[in-house]
Amino acid sequence: MSEANEPEPRNDAVIAFLSERRSSPAKAMTGPGPTRDQLRAMVALASRVPDHGKLAPWRFILYGEDARRRLGERFLARAIELNGPLPAAAAELERTRFSRAPAVIAVVSRAAPHVKIPEWEQMMSAGAAAYNLLLCANAHGWDAQWLTEWIAYDSELARELGLQPGERITGFLYVGRKTLPKTERDRPALDSILTEI
């Protein structure tokens, strides 16, 4: 019999999953990655987030292999435009930024002025969609990492990344198979992040 204040039914598998969830570094991922159909299924689940007003103030962009290769060359060219010539290792990092994992999906915020729904709520919904996609990837057995990095904020790259005017990158989700064991990181002490009033 459960405690009087414990709702039923309790899903211990979900609680265990969340208590152990940990991102894997994109740079340590390998393939093969999820199929297009598997990615579409994850995106469908990821879209099931709080969405005040049913605006769907977010969308997803799945970058295929050719697009990731082309964008890698563009990231390198843009990095050189901004910083001048790069050492070989830095140039390779830019060129392979979207090749670190076998799948890359952008979560895009479409937050805009609305008569009733504050933009802040719309942006938080996009953040929830990004995190839900991360959880969906993990729940399907894949490793994943949510990153932004400088490319997400560069206005010159926005159109090439698939953004429409007014849209912003919430994050890029890298999905694949880990090549290194996951390690736990320090978490904040509960009393340092929870205030009871």
C-alpha atoms as a PDB file:
ATOM      1  CA  MET A   1       0.000   0.000   0.000  1.00  0.00           C
ATOM      2  CA  SER A   2       1.346   3.417  -0.936  1.00  0.00           C
ATOM      3  CA  GLU A   3       1.757   6.438   1.289  1.00  0.00           C
ATOM      4  CA  ALA A   4      -1.353   8.601   1.543  1.00  0.00           C
ATOM      5  CA  ASN A   5       0.307  11.448  -0.379  1.00  0.00           C
ATOM      6  CA  GLU A   6       1.818   9.207  -3.085  1.00  0.00           C
ATOM      7  CA  PRO A   7      -0.121   9.292  -6.386  1.00  0.00           C
ATOM      8  CA  GLU A   8      -0.783   6.026  -8.176  1.00  0.00           C
ATOM      9  CA  PRO A   9       0.476   4.494 -10.346  1.00  0.00           C
ATOM     10  CA  ARG A  10       4.165   5.246  -9.815  1.00  0.00           C
ATOM     11  CA  ASN A  11       6.491   4.710 -12.767  1.00  0.00           C
ATOM     12  CA  ASP A  12       9.754   3.623 -11.168  1.00  0.00           C
ATOM     13  CA  ALA A  13      11.378   2.978 -14.563  1.00  0.00           C
ATOM     14  CA  VAL A  14      10.935   6.633 -15.565  1.00  0.00           C
ATOM     15  CA  ILE A  15      12.211   7.832 -12.180  1.00  0.00           C
ATOM     16  CA  ALA A  16      15.287   5.598 -12.498  1.00  0.00           C
ATOM     17  CA  PHE A  17      15.867   6.805 -16.074  1.00  0.00           C
ATOM     18  CA  LEU A  18      15.729  10.470 -15.039  1.00  0.00           C
ATOM     19  CA  SER A  19      17.938   9.915 -12.003  1.00  0.00           C
ATOM     20  CA  GLU A  20      20.702   8.524 -14.214  1.00  0.00           C
ATOM     21  CA  ARG A  21      20.278  10.704 -17.330  1.00  0.00           C
ATOM     22  CA  ARG A  22      23.561  12.151 -18.536  1.00  0.00           C
ATOM     23  CA  SER A  23      24.615  13.735 -21.833  1.00  0.00           C
ATOM     24  CA  SER A  24      27.406  12.243 -23.912  1.00  0.00           C
ATOM     25  CA  PRO A  25      29.884  14.585 -25.617  1.00  0.00           C
ATOM     26  CA  ALA A  26      29.145  14.949 -29.330  1.00  0.00           C
ATOM     27  CA  LYS A  27      32.862  14.788 -30.086  1.00  0.00           C
ATOM     28  CA  ALA A  28      32.918  11.271 -28.623  1.00  0.00           C
ATOM     29  CA  MET A  29      30.004   9.895 -30.664  1.00  0.00           C
ATOM     30  CA  THR A  30      30.062   7.487 -33.550  1.00  0.00           C
ATOM     31  CA  GLY A  31      27.636   5.792 -35.912  1.00  0.00           C
ATOM     32  CA  PRO A  32      25.660   4.237 -37.144  1.00  0.00           C
ATOM     33  CA  GLY A  33      23.057   6.684 -35.983  1.00  0.00           C
ATOM     34  CA  PRO A  34      19.277   6.639 -35.952  1.00  0.00           C
ATOM     35  CA  THR A  35      17.412   6.269 -39.227  1.00  0.00           C
ATOM     36  CA  ARG A  36      15.306   9.080 -40.656  1.00  0.00           C
ATOM     37  CA  ASP A  37      12.134   7.310 -39.455  1.00  0.00           C
ATOM     38  CA  GLN A  38      13.557   6.902 -35.950  1.00  0.00           C
ATOM     39  CA  LEU A  39      14.480  10.585 -35.844  1.00  0.00           C
ATOM     40  CA  ARG A  40      11.012  11.577 -37.045  1.00  0.00           C
ATOM     41  CA  ALA A  41       9.466   9.460 -34.279  1.00  0.00           C
ATOM     42  CA  MET A  42      11.668  11.178 -31.692  1.00  0.00           C
ATOM     43  CA  VAL A  43      10.707  14.623 -33.010  1.00  0.00           C
ATOM     44  CA  ALA A  44       7.005  13.692 -32.840  1.00  0.00           C
ATOM     45  CA  LEU A  45       7.419  12.813 -29.154  1.00  0.00           C
ATOM     46  CA  ALA A  46       9.610  15.854 -28.488  1.00  0.00           C
ATOM     47  CA  SER A  47       6.811  18.136 -29.650  1.00  0.00           C
ATOM     48  CA  ARG A  48       4.604  16.999 -26.760  1.00  0.00           C
ATOM     49  CA  VAL A  49       5.603  19.842 -24.452  1.00  0.00           C
ATOM     50  CA  PRO A  50       3.727  22.594 -22.604  1.00  0.00           C
ATOM     51  CA  ASP A  51       2.611  25.105 -25.234  1.00  0.00           C
ATOM     52  CA  HIS A  52       0.406  27.910 -23.932  1.00  0.00           C
ATOM     53  CA  GLY A  53      -2.074  28.841 -26.666  1.00  0.00           C
ATOM     54  CA  LYS A  54      -1.139  25.841 -28.849  1.00  0.00           C
ATOM     55  CA  LEU A  55       1.134  28.067 -30.937  1.00  0.00           C
ATOM     56  CA  ALA A  56       3.880  25.489 -31.621  1.00  0.00           C
ATOM     57  CA  PRO A  57       6.447  28.300 -31.180  1.00  0.00           C
ATOM     58  CA  TRP A  58       9.238  25.957 -32.242  1.00  0.00           C
ATOM     59  CA  ARG A  59      10.189  23.696 -35.105  1.00  0.00           C
ATOM     60  CA  PHE A  60      12.936  21.219 -35.913  1.00  0.00           C
ATOM     61  CA  ILE A  61      15.506  21.029 -38.720  1.00  0.00           C
ATOM     62  CA  LEU A  62      17.128  17.693 -39.506  1.00  0.00           C
ATOM     63  CA  TYR A  63      20.433  18.116 -41.339  1.00  0.00           C
ATOM     64  CA  GLY A  64      21.259  15.345 -43.804  1.00  0.00           C
ATOM     65  CA  GLU A  65      24.787  14.142 -44.459  1.00  0.00           C
ATOM     66  CA  ASP A  66      25.356  16.382 -47.503  1.00  0.00           C
ATOM     67  CA  ALA A  67      24.017  19.431 -45.681  1.00  0.00           C
ATOM     68  CA  ARG A  68      26.246  18.741 -42.673  1.00  0.00           C
ATOM     69  CA  ARG A  69      29.316  18.450 -44.889  1.00  0.00           C
ATOM     70  CA  ARG A  70      28.436  21.655 -46.793  1.00  0.00           C
ATOM     71  CA  LEU A  71      27.727  23.538 -43.577  1.00  0.00           C
ATOM     72  CA  GLY A  72      31.036  22.375 -42.134  1.00  0.00           C
ATOM     73  CA  GLU A  73      32.877  24.070 -44.990  1.00  0.00           C
ATOM     74  CA  ARG A  74      30.796  27.188 -44.436  1.00  0.00           C
ATOM     75  CA  PHE A  75      31.511  27.193 -40.688  1.00  0.00           C
ATOM     76  CA  LEU A  76      35.211  27.052 -41.465  1.00  0.00           C
ATOM     77  CA  ALA A  77      34.994  29.890 -44.006  1.00  0.00           C
ATOM     78  CA  ARG A  78      32.969  32.035 -41.596  1.00  0.00           C
ATOM     79  CA  ALA A  79      35.355  31.340 -38.710  1.00  0.00           C
ATOM     80  CA  ILE A  80      38.238  32.511 -40.913  1.00  0.00           C
ATOM     81  CA  GLU A  81      36.247  35.617 -41.883  1.00  0.00           C
ATOM     82  CA  LEU A  82      35.798  36.424 -38.200  1.00  0.00           C
ATOM     83  CA  ASN A  83      39.169  35.381 -36.797  1.00  0.00           C
ATOM     84  CA  GLY A  84      41.664  35.247 -39.643  1.00  0.00           C
ATOM     85  CA  PRO A  85      43.703  32.148 -40.505  1.00  0.00           C
ATOM     86  CA  LEU A  86      43.245  29.252 -38.114  1.00  0.00           C
ATOM     87  CA  PRO A  87      45.692  26.611 -36.928  1.00  0.00           C
ATOM     88  CA  ALA A  88      45.085  23.214 -38.521  1.00  0.00           C
ATOM     89  CA  ALA A  89      43.373  21.744 -35.443  1.00  0.00           C
ATOM     90  CA  ALA A  90      40.984  24.698 -35.112  1.00  0.00           C
ATOM     91  CA  ALA A  91      40.190  24.573 -38.839  1.00  0.00           C
ATOM     92  CA  GLU A  92      39.386  20.863 -38.576  1.00  0.00           C
ATOM     93  CA  LEU A  93      37.148  21.523 -35.576  1.00  0.00           C
ATOM     94  CA  GLU A  94      35.078  24.019 -37.593  1.00  0.00           C
ATOM     95  CA  ARG A  95      34.954  21.822 -40.693  1.00  0.00           C
ATOM     96  CA  THR A  96      33.740  18.799 -38.740  1.00  0.00           C
ATOM     97  CA  ARG A  97      31.464  20.589 -36.267  1.00  0.00           C
ATOM     98  CA  PHE A  98      28.334  18.912 -37.699  1.00  0.00           C
ATOM     99  CA  SER A  99      30.129  15.619 -38.378  1.00  0.00           C
ATOM    100  CA  ARG A 100      30.894  14.810 -34.749  1.00  0.00           C
ATOM    101  CA  ALA A 101      27.742  12.718 -34.460  1.00  0.00           C
ATOM    102  CA  PRO A 102      25.768  10.801 -37.082  1.00  0.00           C
ATOM    103  CA  ALA A 103      22.656  12.965 -36.588  1.00  0.00           C
ATOM    104  CA  VAL A 104      22.185  16.680 -35.918  1.00  0.00           C
ATOM    105  CA  ILE A 105      18.797  18.303 -35.341  1.00  0.00           C
ATOM    106  CA  ALA A 106      18.263  22.003 -34.705  1.00  0.00           C
ATOM    107  CA  VAL A 107      15.470  23.086 -32.384  1.00  0.00           C
ATOM    108  CA  VAL A 108      14.291  26.483 -33.573  1.00  0.00           C
ATOM    109  CA  SER A 109      12.414  29.056 -31.510  1.00  0.00           C
ATOM    110  CA  ARG A 110       9.655  30.859 -33.432  1.00  0.00           C
ATOM    111  CA  ALA A 111       8.714  33.056 -30.490  1.00  0.00           C
ATOM    112  CA  ALA A 112       7.012  36.238 -31.634  1.00  0.00           C
ATOM    113  CA  PRO A 113       4.800  38.990 -30.183  1.00  0.00           C
ATOM    114  CA  HIS A 114       1.324  37.686 -29.410  1.00  0.00           C
ATOM    115  CA  VAL A 115      -1.760  39.359 -28.018  1.00  0.00           C
ATOM    116  CA  LYS A 116      -2.032  36.855 -25.165  1.00  0.00           C
ATOM    117  CA  ILE A 117       1.076  34.639 -24.908  1.00  0.00           C
ATOM    118  CA  PRO A 118       4.305  36.322 -23.729  1.00  0.00           C
ATOM    119  CA  GLU A 119       7.361  35.664 -25.885  1.00  0.00           C
ATOM    120  CA  TRP A 120       9.201  34.417 -22.801  1.00  0.00           C
ATOM    121  CA  GLU A 121       6.676  31.572 -22.436  1.00  0.00           C
ATOM    122  CA  GLN A 122       7.106  30.718 -26.106  1.00  0.00           C
ATOM    123  CA  MET A 123      10.896  30.588 -25.717  1.00  0.00           C
ATOM    124  CA  MET A 124      10.599  28.362 -22.658  1.00  0.00           C
ATOM    125  CA  SER A 125       8.382  26.018 -24.669  1.00  0.00           C
ATOM    126  CA  ALA A 126      11.143  25.792 -27.293  1.00  0.00           C
ATOM    127  CA  GLY A 127      13.623  24.971 -24.536  1.00  0.00           C
ATOM    128  CA  ALA A 128      11.268  22.278 -23.300  1.00  0.00           C
ATOM    129  CA  ALA A 129      11.076  20.859 -26.837  1.00  0.00           C
ATOM    130  CA  ALA A 130      14.881  20.707 -27.012  1.00  0.00           C
ATOM    131  CA  TYR A 131      15.145  18.927 -23.675  1.00  0.00           C
ATOM    132  CA  ASN A 132      12.312  16.590 -24.584  1.00  0.00           C
ATOM    133  CA  LEU A 133      14.174  15.660 -27.767  1.00  0.00           C
ATOM    134  CA  LEU A 134      17.257  14.907 -25.676  1.00  0.00           C
ATOM    135  CA  LEU A 135      15.174  12.694 -23.384  1.00  0.00           C
ATOM    136  CA  CYS A 136      13.515  10.987 -26.357  1.00  0.00           C
ATOM    137  CA  ALA A 137      16.889  10.164 -27.883  1.00  0.00           C
ATOM    138  CA  ASN A 138      18.107   8.718 -24.585  1.00  0.00           C
ATOM    139  CA  ALA A 139      14.859   6.800 -24.028  1.00  0.00           C
ATOM    140  CA  HIS A 140      15.271   5.210 -27.480  1.00  0.00           C
ATOM    141  CA  GLY A 141      18.745   4.030 -26.482  1.00  0.00           C
ATOM    142  CA  TRP A 142      20.791   6.730 -28.217  1.00  0.00           C
ATOM    143  CA  ASP A 143      23.324   9.049 -26.687  1.00  0.00           C
ATOM    144  CA  ALA A 144      22.785  12.760 -27.198  1.00  0.00           C
ATOM    145  CA  GLN A 145      24.074  16.224 -26.377  1.00  0.00           C
ATOM    146  CA  TRP A 146      22.403  19.632 -26.605  1.00  0.00           C
ATOM    147  CA  LEU A 147      24.840  22.318 -27.797  1.00  0.00           C
ATOM    148  CA  THR A 148      24.601  25.805 -29.240  1.00  0.00           C
ATOM    149  CA  GLU A 149      28.134  27.174 -29.772  1.00  0.00           C
ATOM    150  CA  TRP A 150      28.947  30.293 -31.765  1.00  0.00           C
ATOM    151  CA  ILE A 151      27.287  29.109 -34.971  1.00  0.00           C
ATOM    152  CA  ALA A 152      23.857  29.366 -33.328  1.00  0.00           C
ATOM    153  CA  TYR A 153      24.302  33.114 -32.804  1.00  0.00           C
ATOM    154  CA  ASP A 154      25.979  34.163 -36.041  1.00  0.00           C
ATOM    155  CA  SER A 155      23.510  36.151 -38.154  1.00  0.00           C
ATOM    156  CA  GLU A 156      25.470  35.440 -41.344  1.00  0.00           C
ATOM    157  CA  LEU A 157      24.925  31.700 -40.916  1.00  0.00           C
ATOM    158  CA  ALA A 158      21.255  31.863 -39.910  1.00  0.00           C
ATOM    159  CA  ARG A 159      19.787  31.484 -43.386  1.00  0.00           C
ATOM    160  CA  GLU A 160      22.204  28.712 -44.347  1.00  0.00           C
ATOM    161  CA  LEU A 161      21.229  26.852 -41.174  1.00  0.00           C
ATOM    162  CA  GLY A 162      17.611  26.998 -42.363  1.00  0.00           C
ATOM    163  CA  LEU A 163      16.278  29.846 -40.227  1.00  0.00           C
ATOM    164  CA  GLN A 164      13.529  32.191 -41.323  1.00  0.00           C
ATOM    165  CA  PRO A 165      13.506  35.882 -40.314  1.00  0.00           C
ATOM    166  CA  GLY A 166      12.780  36.251 -36.592  1.00  0.00           C
ATOM    167  CA  GLU A 167      13.716  32.673 -35.729  1.00  0.00           C
ATOM    168  CA  ARG A 168      16.527  31.691 -33.346  1.00  0.00           C
ATOM    169  CA  ILE A 169      18.406  28.493 -32.632  1.00  0.00           C
ATOM    170  CA  THR A 170      17.429  27.037 -29.260  1.00  0.00           C
ATOM    171  CA  GLY A 171      20.050  24.343 -29.644  1.00  0.00           C
ATOM    172  CA  PHE A 172      21.525  21.636 -31.805  1.00  0.00           C
ATOM    173  CA  LEU A 173      20.882  18.063 -30.681  1.00  0.00           C
ATOM    174  CA  TYR A 174      23.667  15.671 -31.589  1.00  0.00           C
ATOM    175  CA  VAL A 175      22.578  12.030 -31.570  1.00  0.00           C
ATOM    176  CA  GLY A 176      24.662   8.878 -31.950  1.00  0.00           C
ATOM    177  CA  ARG A 177      26.480   6.169 -30.034  1.00  0.00           C
ATOM    178  CA  LYS A 178      28.967   6.963 -27.299  1.00  0.00           C
ATOM    179  CA  THR A 179      32.567   5.855 -27.659  1.00  0.00           C
ATOM    180  CA  LEU A 180      33.487   6.673 -24.055  1.00  0.00           C
ATOM    181  CA  PRO A 181      31.769   5.633 -20.818  1.00  0.00           C
ATOM    182  CA  LYS A 182      29.463   8.222 -19.303  1.00  0.00           C
ATOM    183  CA  THR A 183      30.766   9.813 -16.140  1.00  0.00           C
ATOM    184  CA  GLU A 184      28.700  11.556 -13.513  1.00  0.00           C
ATOM    185  CA  ARG A 185      29.338  15.229 -12.911  1.00  0.00           C
ATOM    186  CA  ASP A 186      28.870  17.265  -9.765  1.00  0.00           C
ATOM    187  CA  ARG A 187      25.265  18.321  -9.218  1.00  0.00           C
ATOM    188  CA  PRO A 188      24.213  21.267  -7.068  1.00  0.00           C
ATOM    189  CA  ALA A 189      23.225  20.494  -3.511  1.00  0.00           C
ATOM    190  CA  LEU A 190      19.439  20.489  -3.260  1.00  0.00           C
ATOM    191  CA  ASP A 191      19.400  23.104  -0.499  1.00  0.00           C
ATOM    192  CA  SER A 192      21.408  25.473  -2.733  1.00  0.00           C
ATOM    193  CA  ILE A 193      18.772  25.421  -5.487  1.00  0.00           C
ATOM    194  CA  LEU A 194      15.512  24.952  -3.566  1.00  0.00           C
ATOM    195  CA  THR A 195      13.928  27.732  -1.534  1.00  0.00           C
ATOM    196  CA  GLU A 196      10.945  26.953   0.654  1.00  0.00           C
ATOM    197  CA  ILE A 197       8.796  29.917   1.728  1.00  0.00           C
END
